[in-house]
């Protein structure tokens, strides 16, 4: 994640020195990284996934309020989109009671 500014409008060249690496993953026990997702959103997603940064990059985020707010906004929107998709797929998913009802109605299956 890096911040667009007047010197980096196109984002073609990532400024690695001033960038923060975010890793989206299932819950991890890596002591070298911290999960910042619970600091960004309050959602059930926090139980199933995490957004991890190194301690060094977390310190960068803490010091740079503009970058922190940009990351927070982006991750908030990203996680909301994930949640909406999960809710949508859950609503159309075939459920056990539907299968049992279908089998009951169609005994030859």
PDB file of N, CA and C in Angstrom:
ATOM      1  N   UNK A   1       0.855  -1.157   0.000  1.00  0.00           N
ATOM      2  CA  UNK A   1       0.000   0.000   0.000  1.00  0.00           C
ATOM      3  C   UNK A   1       0.899   1.216   0.000  1.00  0.00           C
ATOM      4  N   UNK A   2       0.641   2.121  -0.857  1.00  0.00           N
ATOM      5  CA  UNK A   2       1.429   3.337  -0.891  1.00  0.00           C
ATOM      6  C   UNK A   2       0.483   4.484  -1.180  1.00  0.00           C
ATOM      7  N   UNK A   3       0.873   5.636  -0.769  1.00  0.00           N
ATOM      8  CA  UNK A   3       0.022   6.806  -0.866  1.00  0.00           C
ATOM      9  C   UNK A   3       0.289   7.541  -2.164  1.00  0.00           C
ATOM     10  N   UNK A   4      -0.776   7.805  -2.905  1.00  0.00           N
ATOM     11  CA  UNK A   4      -0.642   8.633  -4.092  1.00  0.00           C
ATOM     12  C   UNK A   4      -0.374  10.056  -3.637  1.00  0.00           C
ATOM     13  N   UNK A   5       0.591  10.677  -4.229  1.00  0.00           N
ATOM     14  CA  UNK A   5       0.818  12.085  -3.934  1.00  0.00           C
ATOM     15  C   UNK A   5       1.223  12.775  -5.227  1.00  0.00           C
ATOM     16  N   UNK A   6       1.548  14.047  -5.154  1.00  0.00           N
ATOM     17  CA  UNK A   6       1.866  14.806  -6.363  1.00  0.00           C
ATOM     18  C   UNK A   6       3.039  14.213  -7.129  1.00  0.00           C
ATOM     19  N   UNK A   7       3.916  13.476  -6.442  1.00  0.00           N
ATOM     20  CA  UNK A   7       5.077  12.891  -7.094  1.00  0.00           C
ATOM     21  C   UNK A   7       4.815  11.483  -7.616  1.00  0.00           C
ATOM     22  N   UNK A   8       3.677  10.913  -7.303  1.00  0.00           N
ATOM     23  CA  UNK A   8       3.400   9.533  -7.709  1.00  0.00           C
ATOM     24  C   UNK A   8       1.925   9.406  -8.089  1.00  0.00           C
ATOM     25  N   UNK A   9       1.513  10.086  -9.143  1.00  0.00           N
ATOM     26  CA  UNK A   9       0.115  10.070  -9.568  1.00  0.00           C
ATOM     27  C   UNK A   9      -0.262   8.791 -10.302  1.00  0.00           C
ATOM     28  N   UNK A  10       0.650   8.241 -11.047  1.00  0.00           N
ATOM     29  CA  UNK A  10       0.332   7.085 -11.871  1.00  0.00           C
ATOM     30  C   UNK A  10       0.503   5.760 -11.143  1.00  0.00           C
ATOM     31  N   UNK A  11       1.261   5.754 -10.081  1.00  0.00           N
ATOM     32  CA  UNK A  11       1.537   4.538  -9.325  1.00  0.00           C
ATOM     33  C   UNK A  11       2.210   3.465 -10.169  1.00  0.00           C
ATOM     34  N   UNK A  12       2.928   3.896 -11.189  1.00  0.00           N
ATOM     35  CA  UNK A  12       3.640   2.939 -12.027  1.00  0.00           C
ATOM     36  C   UNK A  12       4.895   2.442 -11.339  1.00  0.00           C
ATOM     37  N   UNK A  13       5.520   3.299 -10.594  1.00  0.00           N
ATOM     38  CA  UNK A  13       6.736   2.941  -9.876  1.00  0.00           C
ATOM     39  C   UNK A  13       6.456   3.044  -8.388  1.00  0.00           C
ATOM     40  N   UNK A  14       6.432   1.926  -7.736  1.00  0.00           N
ATOM     41  CA  UNK A  14       6.156   1.921  -6.306  1.00  0.00           C
ATOM     42  C   UNK A  14       7.405   2.346  -5.563  1.00  0.00           C
ATOM     43  N   UNK A  15       7.225   3.292  -4.702  1.00  0.00           N
ATOM     44  CA  UNK A  15       8.317   3.782  -3.867  1.00  0.00           C
ATOM     45  C   UNK A  15       8.442   2.831  -2.679  1.00  0.00           C
ATOM     46  N   UNK A  16       9.296   1.824  -2.814  1.00  0.00           N
ATOM     47  CA  UNK A  16       9.406   0.796  -1.781  1.00  0.00           C
ATOM     48  C   UNK A  16       9.874   1.362  -0.449  1.00  0.00           C
ATOM     49  N   UNK A  17      10.658   2.401  -0.485  1.00  0.00           N
ATOM     50  CA  UNK A  17      11.170   2.987   0.752  1.00  0.00           C
ATOM     51  C   UNK A  17      10.050   3.617   1.580  1.00  0.00           C
ATOM     52  N   UNK A  18       9.032   4.156   0.892  1.00  0.00           N
ATOM     53  CA  UNK A  18       7.935   4.827   1.584  1.00  0.00           C
ATOM     54  C   UNK A  18       6.628   4.063   1.463  1.00  0.00           C
ATOM     55  N   UNK A  19       6.715   2.764   1.258  1.00  0.00           N
ATOM     56  CA  UNK A  19       5.530   1.928   1.129  1.00  0.00           C
ATOM     57  C   UNK A  19       5.351   1.063   2.365  1.00  0.00           C
ATOM     58  N   UNK A  20       4.133   0.616   2.553  1.00  0.00           N
ATOM     59  CA  UNK A  20       3.810  -0.280   3.652  1.00  0.00           C
ATOM     60  C   UNK A  20       3.239  -1.551   3.041  1.00  0.00           C
ATOM     61  N   UNK A  21       3.817  -2.687   3.384  1.00  0.00           N
ATOM     62  CA  UNK A  21       3.364  -3.970   2.848  1.00  0.00           C
ATOM     63  C   UNK A  21       2.239  -4.503   3.733  1.00  0.00           C
ATOM     64  N   UNK A  22       1.106  -4.771   3.114  1.00  0.00           N
ATOM     65  CA  UNK A  22      -0.046  -5.367   3.789  1.00  0.00           C
ATOM     66  C   UNK A  22      -0.228  -6.773   3.248  1.00  0.00           C
ATOM     67  N   UNK A  23      -0.487  -7.722   4.134  1.00  0.00           N
ATOM     68  CA  UNK A  23      -0.739  -9.095   3.735  1.00  0.00           C
ATOM     69  C   UNK A  23      -2.120  -9.493   4.225  1.00  0.00           C
ATOM     70  N   UNK A  24      -3.000  -9.879   3.291  1.00  0.00           N
ATOM     71  CA  UNK A  24      -4.318 -10.378   3.649  1.00  0.00           C
ATOM     72  C   UNK A  24      -4.218 -11.888   3.741  1.00  0.00           C
ATOM     73  N   UNK A  25      -4.677 -12.435   4.858  1.00  0.00           N
ATOM     74  CA  UNK A  25      -4.510 -13.856   5.077  1.00  0.00           C
ATOM     75  C   UNK A  25      -5.518 -14.332   6.123  1.00  0.00           C
ATOM     76  N   UNK A  26      -5.590 -15.635   6.234  1.00  0.00           N
ATOM     77  CA  UNK A  26      -6.309 -16.218   7.362  1.00  0.00           C
ATOM     78  C   UNK A  26      -5.582 -15.822   8.633  1.00  0.00           C
ATOM     79  N   UNK A  27      -6.148 -16.097   9.740  1.00  0.00           N
ATOM     80  CA  UNK A  27      -5.526 -15.752  11.015  1.00  0.00           C
ATOM     81  C   UNK A  27      -4.145 -16.404  11.096  1.00  0.00           C
ATOM     82  N   UNK A  28      -3.156 -15.610  11.509  1.00  0.00           N
ATOM     83  CA  UNK A  28      -1.776 -16.063  11.561  1.00  0.00           C
ATOM     84  C   UNK A  28      -1.216 -15.878  12.962  1.00  0.00           C
ATOM     85  N   UNK A  29      -0.258 -16.707  13.307  1.00  0.00           N
ATOM     86  CA  UNK A  29       0.411 -16.590  14.604  1.00  0.00           C
ATOM     87  C   UNK A  29       1.831 -16.069  14.461  1.00  0.00           C
ATOM     88  N   UNK A  30       2.139 -15.461  13.325  1.00  0.00           N
ATOM     89  CA  UNK A  30       3.465 -14.922  13.080  1.00  0.00           C
ATOM     90  C   UNK A  30       3.707 -13.738  14.017  1.00  0.00           C
ATOM     91  N   UNK A  31       4.630 -13.888  14.929  1.00  0.00           N
ATOM     92  CA  UNK A  31       4.910 -12.856  15.936  1.00  0.00           C
ATOM     93  C   UNK A  31       5.608 -11.636  15.348  1.00  0.00           C
ATOM     94  N   UNK A  32       6.107 -11.752  14.107  1.00  0.00           N
ATOM     95  CA  UNK A  32       6.793 -10.634  13.479  1.00  0.00           C
ATOM     96  C   UNK A  32       5.826  -9.665  12.802  1.00  0.00           C
ATOM     97  N   UNK A  33       4.551 -10.062  12.735  1.00  0.00           N
ATOM     98  CA  UNK A  33       3.543  -9.214  12.109  1.00  0.00           C
ATOM     99  C   UNK A  33       2.360  -9.047  13.041  1.00  0.00           C
ATOM    100  N   UNK A  34       1.658  -7.934  12.878  1.00  0.00           N
ATOM    101  CA  UNK A  34       0.453  -7.710  13.674  1.00  0.00           C
ATOM    102  C   UNK A  34      -0.748  -7.583  12.745  1.00  0.00           C
ATOM    103  N   UNK A  35      -1.880  -8.023  13.246  1.00  0.00           N
ATOM    104  CA  UNK A  35      -3.130  -7.950  12.511  1.00  0.00           C
ATOM    105  C   UNK A  35      -3.755  -6.588  12.802  1.00  0.00           C
ATOM    106  N   UNK A  36      -3.851  -5.742  11.776  1.00  0.00           N
ATOM    107  CA  UNK A  36      -4.420  -4.412  11.977  1.00  0.00           C
ATOM    108  C   UNK A  36      -5.904  -4.355  11.639  1.00  0.00           C
ATOM    109  N   UNK A  37      -6.476  -5.446  11.125  1.00  0.00           N
ATOM    110  CA  UNK A  37      -7.878  -5.420  10.702  1.00  0.00           C
ATOM    111  C   UNK A  37      -8.831  -5.012  11.822  1.00  0.00           C
ATOM    112  N   UNK A  38      -8.686  -5.544  13.050  1.00  0.00           N
ATOM    113  CA  UNK A  38      -9.610  -5.120  14.106  1.00  0.00           C
ATOM    114  C   UNK A  38      -9.503  -3.623  14.447  1.00  0.00           C
ATOM    115  N   UNK A  39      -8.386  -2.998  14.097  1.00  0.00           N
ATOM    116  CA  UNK A  39      -8.241  -1.558  14.320  1.00  0.00           C
ATOM    117  C   UNK A  39      -8.915  -0.761  13.211  1.00  0.00           C
ATOM    118  N   UNK A  40      -9.197  -1.427  12.095  1.00  0.00           N
ATOM    119  CA  UNK A  40      -9.761  -0.765  10.925  1.00  0.00           C
ATOM    120  C   UNK A  40     -11.282  -0.901  10.895  1.00  0.00           C
ATOM    121  N   UNK A  41     -11.768  -2.111  11.134  1.00  0.00           N
ATOM    122  CA  UNK A  41     -13.212  -2.365  11.063  1.00  0.00           C
ATOM    123  C   UNK A  41     -13.653  -3.187  12.269  1.00  0.00           C
ATOM    124  N   UNK A  42     -14.923  -3.099  12.570  1.00  0.00           N
ATOM    125  CA  UNK A  42     -15.538  -3.962  13.562  1.00  0.00           C
ATOM    126  C   UNK A  42     -16.529  -4.828  12.789  1.00  0.00           C
ATOM    127  N   UNK A  43     -16.122  -6.057  12.507  1.00  0.00           N
ATOM    128  CA  UNK A  43     -16.919  -6.935  11.659  1.00  0.00           C
ATOM    129  C   UNK A  43     -16.607  -8.387  11.990  1.00  0.00           C
ATOM    130  N   UNK A  44     -17.523  -9.265  11.609  1.00  0.00           N
ATOM    131  CA  UNK A  44     -17.298 -10.704  11.751  1.00  0.00           C
ATOM    132  C   UNK A  44     -16.110 -11.166  10.911  1.00  0.00           C
ATOM    133  N   UNK A  45     -15.754 -10.405   9.893  1.00  0.00           N
ATOM    134  CA  UNK A  45     -14.605 -10.766   9.059  1.00  0.00           C
ATOM    135  C   UNK A  45     -13.338 -10.910   9.894  1.00  0.00           C
ATOM    136  N   UNK A  46     -13.257 -10.155  10.966  1.00  0.00           N
ATOM    137  CA  UNK A  46     -12.063 -10.199  11.823  1.00  0.00           C
ATOM    138  C   UNK A  46     -11.860 -11.577  12.435  1.00  0.00           C
ATOM    139  N   UNK A  47     -12.921 -12.386  12.500  1.00  0.00           N
ATOM    140  CA  UNK A  47     -12.812 -13.740  13.043  1.00  0.00           C
ATOM    141  C   UNK A  47     -12.200 -14.718  12.048  1.00  0.00           C
ATOM    142  N   UNK A  48     -12.237 -14.367  10.765  1.00  0.00           N
ATOM    143  CA  UNK A  48     -11.836 -15.303   9.720  1.00  0.00           C
ATOM    144  C   UNK A  48     -10.630 -14.873   8.902  1.00  0.00           C
ATOM    145  N   UNK A  49     -10.288 -13.610   8.972  1.00  0.00           N
ATOM    146  CA  UNK A  49      -9.166 -13.133   8.177  1.00  0.00           C
ATOM    147  C   UNK A  49      -8.449 -12.013   8.907  1.00  0.00           C
ATOM    148  N   UNK A  50      -7.284 -11.695   8.403  1.00  0.00           N
ATOM    149  CA  UNK A  50      -6.530 -10.607   8.982  1.00  0.00           C
ATOM    150  C   UNK A  50      -5.791  -9.831   7.914  1.00  0.00           C
ATOM    151  N   UNK A  51      -5.420  -8.617   8.269  1.00  0.00           N
ATOM    152  CA  UNK A  51      -4.551  -7.796   7.435  1.00  0.00           C
ATOM    153  C   UNK A  51      -3.308  -7.558   8.279  1.00  0.00           C
ATOM    154  N   UNK A  52      -2.198  -8.096   7.817  1.00  0.00           N
ATOM    155  CA  UNK A  52      -0.980  -8.116   8.613  1.00  0.00           C
ATOM    156  C   UNK A  52       0.057  -7.145   8.076  1.00  0.00           C
ATOM    157  N   UNK A  53       0.752  -6.506   9.003  1.00  0.00           N
ATOM    158  CA  UNK A  53       1.887  -5.645   8.674  1.00  0.00           C
ATOM    159  C   UNK A  53       3.013  -5.969   9.644  1.00  0.00           C
ATOM    160  N   UNK A  54       4.218  -5.717   9.188  1.00  0.00           N
ATOM    161  CA  UNK A  54       5.359  -5.896  10.085  1.00  0.00           C
ATOM    162  C   UNK A  54       5.308  -4.813  11.157  1.00  0.00           C
ATOM    163  N   UNK A  55       5.976  -5.052  12.237  1.00  0.00           N
ATOM    164  CA  UNK A  55       6.028  -4.047  13.309  1.00  0.00           C
ATOM    165  C   UNK A  55       6.629  -2.747  12.789  1.00  0.00           C
ATOM    166  N   UNK A  56       7.637  -2.859  11.952  1.00  0.00           N
ATOM    167  CA  UNK A  56       8.276  -1.670  11.364  1.00  0.00           C
ATOM    168  C   UNK A  56       7.274  -0.858  10.535  1.00  0.00           C
ATOM    169  N   UNK A  57       6.472  -1.548   9.725  1.00  0.00           N
ATOM    170  CA  UNK A  57       5.494  -0.848   8.896  1.00  0.00           C
ATOM    171  C   UNK A  57       4.333  -0.319   9.731  1.00  0.00           C
ATOM    172  N   UNK A  58       4.002  -0.995  10.814  1.00  0.00           N
ATOM    173  CA  UNK A  58       2.966  -0.480  11.701  1.00  0.00           C
ATOM    174  C   UNK A  58       3.415   0.848  12.305  1.00  0.00           C
ATOM    175  N   UNK A  59       4.679   0.926  12.660  1.00  0.00           N
ATOM    176  CA  UNK A  59       5.209   2.182  13.208  1.00  0.00           C
ATOM    177  C   UNK A  59       5.129   3.308  12.168  1.00  0.00           C
ATOM    178  N   UNK A  60       5.374   2.977  10.911  1.00  0.00           N
ATOM    179  CA  UNK A  60       5.239   3.970   9.840  1.00  0.00           C
ATOM    180  C   UNK A  60       3.796   4.456   9.761  1.00  0.00           C
ATOM    181  N   UNK A  61       2.861   3.526   9.804  1.00  0.00           N
ATOM    182  CA  UNK A  61       1.445   3.900   9.750  1.00  0.00           C
ATOM    183  C   UNK A  61       1.054   4.770  10.944  1.00  0.00           C
ATOM    184  N   UNK A  62       1.545   4.425  12.105  1.00  0.00           N
ATOM    185  CA  UNK A  62       1.219   5.208  13.296  1.00  0.00           C
ATOM    186  C   UNK A  62       1.750   6.640  13.198  1.00  0.00           C
ATOM    187  N   UNK A  63       2.909   6.804  12.581  1.00  0.00           N
ATOM    188  CA  UNK A  63       3.521   8.133  12.472  1.00  0.00           C
ATOM    189  C   UNK A  63       2.913   8.982  11.356  1.00  0.00           C
ATOM    190  N   UNK A  64       2.381   8.318  10.326  1.00  0.00           N
ATOM    191  CA  UNK A  64       1.883   9.036   9.151  1.00  0.00           C
ATOM    192  C   UNK A  64       0.352   8.976   9.136  1.00  0.00           C
ATOM    193  N   UNK A  65      -0.266   9.994   9.712  1.00  0.00           N
ATOM    194  CA  UNK A  65      -1.720   9.997   9.850  1.00  0.00           C
ATOM    195  C   UNK A  65      -2.422   9.963   8.491  1.00  0.00           C
ATOM    196  N   UNK A  66      -1.882  10.664   7.505  1.00  0.00           N
ATOM    197  CA  UNK A  66      -2.489  10.691   6.172  1.00  0.00           C
ATOM    198  C   UNK A  66      -2.477   9.291   5.550  1.00  0.00           C
ATOM    199  N   UNK A  67      -1.349   8.615   5.630  1.00  0.00           N
ATOM    200  CA  UNK A  67      -1.252   7.261   5.098  1.00  0.00           C
ATOM    201  C   UNK A  67      -2.149   6.309   5.888  1.00  0.00           C
ATOM    202  N   UNK A  68      -2.146   6.419   7.213  1.00  0.00           N
ATOM    203  CA  UNK A  68      -2.989   5.558   8.045  1.00  0.00           C
ATOM    204  C   UNK A  68      -4.463   5.726   7.660  1.00  0.00           C
ATOM    205  N   UNK A  69      -4.901   6.964   7.514  1.00  0.00           N
ATOM    206  CA  UNK A  69      -6.305   7.206   7.165  1.00  0.00           C
ATOM    207  C   UNK A  69      -6.635   6.679   5.774  1.00  0.00           C
ATOM    208  N   UNK A  70      -5.685   6.792   4.834  1.00  0.00           N
ATOM    209  CA  UNK A  70      -5.911   6.256   3.488  1.00  0.00           C
ATOM    210  C   UNK A  70      -6.024   4.736   3.533  1.00  0.00           C
ATOM    211  N   UNK A  71      -5.143   4.085   4.290  1.00  0.00           N
ATOM    212  CA  UNK A  71      -5.183   2.628   4.438  1.00  0.00           C
ATOM    213  C   UNK A  71      -6.488   2.208   5.111  1.00  0.00           C
ATOM    214  N   UNK A  72      -6.851   2.921   6.150  1.00  0.00           N
ATOM    215  CA  UNK A  72      -8.075   2.600   6.884  1.00  0.00           C
ATOM    216  C   UNK A  72      -9.307   2.719   5.979  1.00  0.00           C
ATOM    217  N   UNK A  73      -9.372   3.780   5.205  1.00  0.00           N
ATOM    218  CA  UNK A  73     -10.517   3.965   4.308  1.00  0.00           C
ATOM    219  C   UNK A  73     -10.549   2.872   3.240  1.00  0.00           C
ATOM    220  N   UNK A  74      -9.401   2.610   2.615  1.00  0.00           N
ATOM    221  CA  UNK A  74      -9.327   1.593   1.567  1.00  0.00           C
ATOM    222  C   UNK A  74      -9.712   0.222   2.115  1.00  0.00           C
ATOM    223  N   UNK A  75      -9.123  -0.164   3.239  1.00  0.00           N
ATOM    224  CA  UNK A  75      -9.418  -1.485   3.804  1.00  0.00           C
ATOM    225  C   UNK A  75     -10.869  -1.577   4.271  1.00  0.00           C
ATOM    226  N   UNK A  76     -11.396  -0.491   4.795  1.00  0.00           N
ATOM    227  CA  UNK A  76     -12.804  -0.484   5.199  1.00  0.00           C
ATOM    228  C   UNK A  76     -13.714  -0.755   4.020  1.00  0.00           C
ATOM    229  N   UNK A  77     -13.466  -0.064   2.911  1.00  0.00           N
ATOM    230  CA  UNK A  77     -14.270  -0.263   1.701  1.00  0.00           C
ATOM    231  C   UNK A  77     -14.051  -1.669   1.126  1.00  0.00           C
ATOM    232  N   UNK A  78     -12.810  -2.125   1.124  1.00  0.00           N
ATOM    233  CA  UNK A  78     -12.487  -3.452   0.616  1.00  0.00           C
ATOM    234  C   UNK A  78     -13.201  -4.532   1.428  1.00  0.00           C
ATOM    235  N   UNK A  79     -13.136  -4.417   2.744  1.00  0.00           N
ATOM    236  CA  UNK A  79     -13.773  -5.411   3.614  1.00  0.00           C
ATOM    237  C   UNK A  79     -15.286  -5.352   3.508  1.00  0.00           C
ATOM    238  N   UNK A  80     -15.849  -4.166   3.331  1.00  0.00           N
ATOM    239  CA  UNK A  80     -17.295  -4.070   3.118  1.00  0.00           C
ATOM    240  C   UNK A  80     -17.704  -4.784   1.842  1.00  0.00           C
ATOM    241  N   UNK A  81     -16.895  -4.660   0.795  1.00  0.00           N
ATOM    242  CA  UNK A  81     -17.189  -5.357  -0.461  1.00  0.00           C
ATOM    243  C   UNK A  81     -17.100  -6.874  -0.267  1.00  0.00           C
ATOM    244  N   UNK A  82     -16.110  -7.330   0.482  1.00  0.00           N
ATOM    245  CA  UNK A  82     -15.996  -8.767   0.781  1.00  0.00           C
ATOM    246  C   UNK A  82     -17.232  -9.233   1.543  1.00  0.00           C
ATOM    247  N   UNK A  83     -17.629  -8.483   2.549  1.00  0.00           N
ATOM    248  CA  UNK A  83     -18.799  -8.853   3.369  1.00  0.00           C
ATOM    249  C   UNK A  83     -20.061  -8.901   2.514  1.00  0.00           C
ATOM    250  N   UNK A  84     -20.239  -7.923   1.633  1.00  0.00           N
ATOM    251  CA  UNK A  84     -21.416  -7.919   0.760  1.00  0.00           C
ATOM    252  C   UNK A  84     -21.432  -9.156  -0.133  1.00  0.00           C
ATOM    253  N   UNK A  85     -20.279  -9.524  -0.662  1.00  0.00           N
ATOM    254  CA  UNK A  85     -20.211 -10.709  -1.527  1.00  0.00           C
ATOM    255  C   UNK A  85     -20.479 -11.984  -0.732  1.00  0.00           C
ATOM    256  N   UNK A  86     -19.947 -12.064   0.471  1.00  0.00           N
ATOM    257  CA  UNK A  86     -20.226 -13.228   1.326  1.00  0.00           C
ATOM    258  C   UNK A  86     -21.714 -13.327   1.641  1.00  0.00           C
ATOM    259  N   UNK A  87     -22.339 -12.204   1.966  1.00  0.00           N
ATOM    260  CA  UNK A  87     -23.776 -12.195   2.254  1.00  0.00           C
ATOM    261  C   UNK A  87     -24.580 -12.593   1.024  1.00  0.00           C
ATOM    262  N   UNK A  88     -24.164 -12.090  -0.148  1.00  0.00           N
ATOM    263  CA  UNK A  88     -24.877 -12.423  -1.387  1.00  0.00           C
ATOM    264  C   UNK A  88     -24.779 -13.919  -1.684  1.00  0.00           C
ATOM    265  N   UNK A  89     -23.581 -14.472  -1.588  1.00  0.00           N
ATOM    266  CA  UNK A  89     -23.429 -15.896  -1.894  1.00  0.00           C
ATOM    267  C   UNK A  89     -24.134 -16.763  -0.846  1.00  0.00           C
ATOM    268  N   UNK A  90     -24.167 -16.318   0.387  1.00  0.00           N
ATOM    269  CA  UNK A  90     -24.887 -17.056   1.433  1.00  0.00           C
ATOM    270  C   UNK A  90     -26.385 -17.074   1.127  1.00  0.00           C
ATOM    271  N   UNK A  91     -26.908 -15.984   0.600  1.00  0.00           N
ATOM    272  CA  UNK A  91     -28.345 -15.907   0.332  1.00  0.00           C
ATOM    273  C   UNK A  91     -28.769 -16.804  -0.825  1.00  0.00           C
ATOM    274  N   UNK A  92     -27.849 -17.102  -1.748  1.00  0.00           N
ATOM    275  CA  UNK A  92     -28.219 -17.951  -2.888  1.00  0.00           C
ATOM    276  C   UNK A  92     -27.710 -19.384  -2.741  1.00  0.00           C
ATOM    277  N   UNK A  93     -27.003 -19.634  -1.681  1.00  0.00           N
ATOM    278  CA  UNK A  93     -26.442 -20.975  -1.444  1.00  0.00           C
ATOM    279  C   UNK A  93     -27.570 -21.975  -1.192  1.00  0.00           C
ATOM    280  N   UNK A  94     -27.410 -23.174  -1.744  1.00  0.00           N
ATOM    281  CA  UNK A  94     -28.367 -24.237  -1.511  1.00  0.00           C
ATOM    282  C   UNK A  94     -28.194 -24.750  -0.086  1.00  0.00           C
ATOM    283  N   UNK A  95     -29.273 -24.765   0.654  1.00  0.00           N
ATOM    284  CA  UNK A  95     -29.213 -25.163   2.059  1.00  0.00           C
ATOM    285  C   UNK A  95     -29.715 -26.596   2.233  1.00  0.00           C
ATOM    286  N   UNK A  96     -29.326 -27.200   3.342  1.00  0.00           N
ATOM    287  CA  UNK A  96     -29.674 -28.595   3.609  1.00  0.00           C
ATOM    288  C   UNK A  96     -31.180 -28.819   3.547  1.00  0.00           C
ATOM    289  N   UNK A  97     -31.961 -27.934   4.139  1.00  0.00           N
ATOM    290  CA  UNK A  97     -33.422 -28.122   4.141  1.00  0.00           C
ATOM    291  C   UNK A  97     -33.984 -28.072   2.731  1.00  0.00           C
ATOM    292  N   UNK A  98     -33.364 -27.267   1.836  1.00  0.00           N
ATOM    293  CA  UNK A  98     -33.808 -27.210   0.447  1.00  0.00           C
ATOM    294  C   UNK A  98     -33.544 -28.537  -0.265  1.00  0.00           C
ATOM    295  N   UNK A  99     -32.389 -29.122  -0.018  1.00  0.00           N
ATOM    296  CA  UNK A  99     -32.042 -30.411  -0.627  1.00  0.00           C
ATOM    297  C   UNK A  99     -32.992 -31.494  -0.120  1.00  0.00           C
ATOM    298  N   UNK A 100     -33.220 -31.516   1.199  1.00  0.00           N
ATOM    299  CA  UNK A 100     -34.130 -32.516   1.761  1.00  0.00           C
ATOM    300  C   UNK A 100     -35.553 -32.358   1.213  1.00  0.00           C
ATOM    301  N   UNK A 101     -35.997 -31.135   1.061  1.00  0.00           N
ATOM    302  CA  UNK A 101     -37.330 -30.889   0.504  1.00  0.00           C
ATOM    303  C   UNK A 101     -37.393 -31.344  -0.948  1.00  0.00           C
ATOM    304  N   UNK A 102     -36.344 -31.086  -1.699  1.00  0.00           N
ATOM    305  CA  UNK A 102     -36.290 -31.520  -3.098  1.00  0.00           C
ATOM    306  C   UNK A 102     -36.343 -33.056  -3.187  1.00  0.00           C
ATOM    307  N   UNK A 103     -35.561 -33.726  -2.342  1.00  0.00           N
ATOM    308  CA  UNK A 103     -35.576 -35.189  -2.349  1.00  0.00           C
ATOM    309  C   UNK A 103     -36.943 -35.740  -1.943  1.00  0.00           C
ATOM    310  N   UNK A 104     -37.577 -35.071  -1.012  1.00  0.00           N
ATOM    311  CA  UNK A 104     -38.903 -35.508  -0.567  1.00  0.00           C
ATOM    312  C   UNK A 104     -39.930 -35.361  -1.708  1.00  0.00           C
ATOM    313  N   UNK A 105     -39.812 -34.280  -2.457  1.00  0.00           N
ATOM    314  CA  UNK A 105     -40.734 -34.009  -3.550  1.00  0.00           C
ATOM    315  C   UNK A 105     -40.432 -34.875  -4.789  1.00  0.00           C
ATOM    316  N   UNK A 106     -39.191 -35.301  -4.920  1.00  0.00           N
ATOM    317  CA  UNK A 106     -38.766 -36.050  -6.112  1.00  0.00           C
ATOM    318  C   UNK A 106     -38.145 -37.376  -5.658  1.00  0.00           C
ATOM    319  N   UNK A 107     -38.966 -38.298  -5.286  1.00  0.00           N
ATOM    320  CA  UNK A 107     -38.503 -39.567  -4.706  1.00  0.00           C
ATOM    321  C   UNK A 107     -37.675 -40.385  -5.693  1.00  0.00           C
ATOM    322  N   UNK A 108     -37.849 -40.193  -6.986  1.00  0.00           N
ATOM    323  CA  UNK A 108     -37.084 -40.961  -7.966  1.00  0.00           C
ATOM    324  C   UNK A 108     -35.645 -40.478  -8.099  1.00  0.00           C
ATOM    325  N   UNK A 109     -35.292 -39.384  -7.503  1.00  0.00           N
ATOM    326  CA  UNK A 109     -33.918 -38.853  -7.606  1.00  0.00           C
ATOM    327  C   UNK A 109     -32.975 -39.636  -6.780  1.00  0.00           C
TER     328      UNK A 109
END
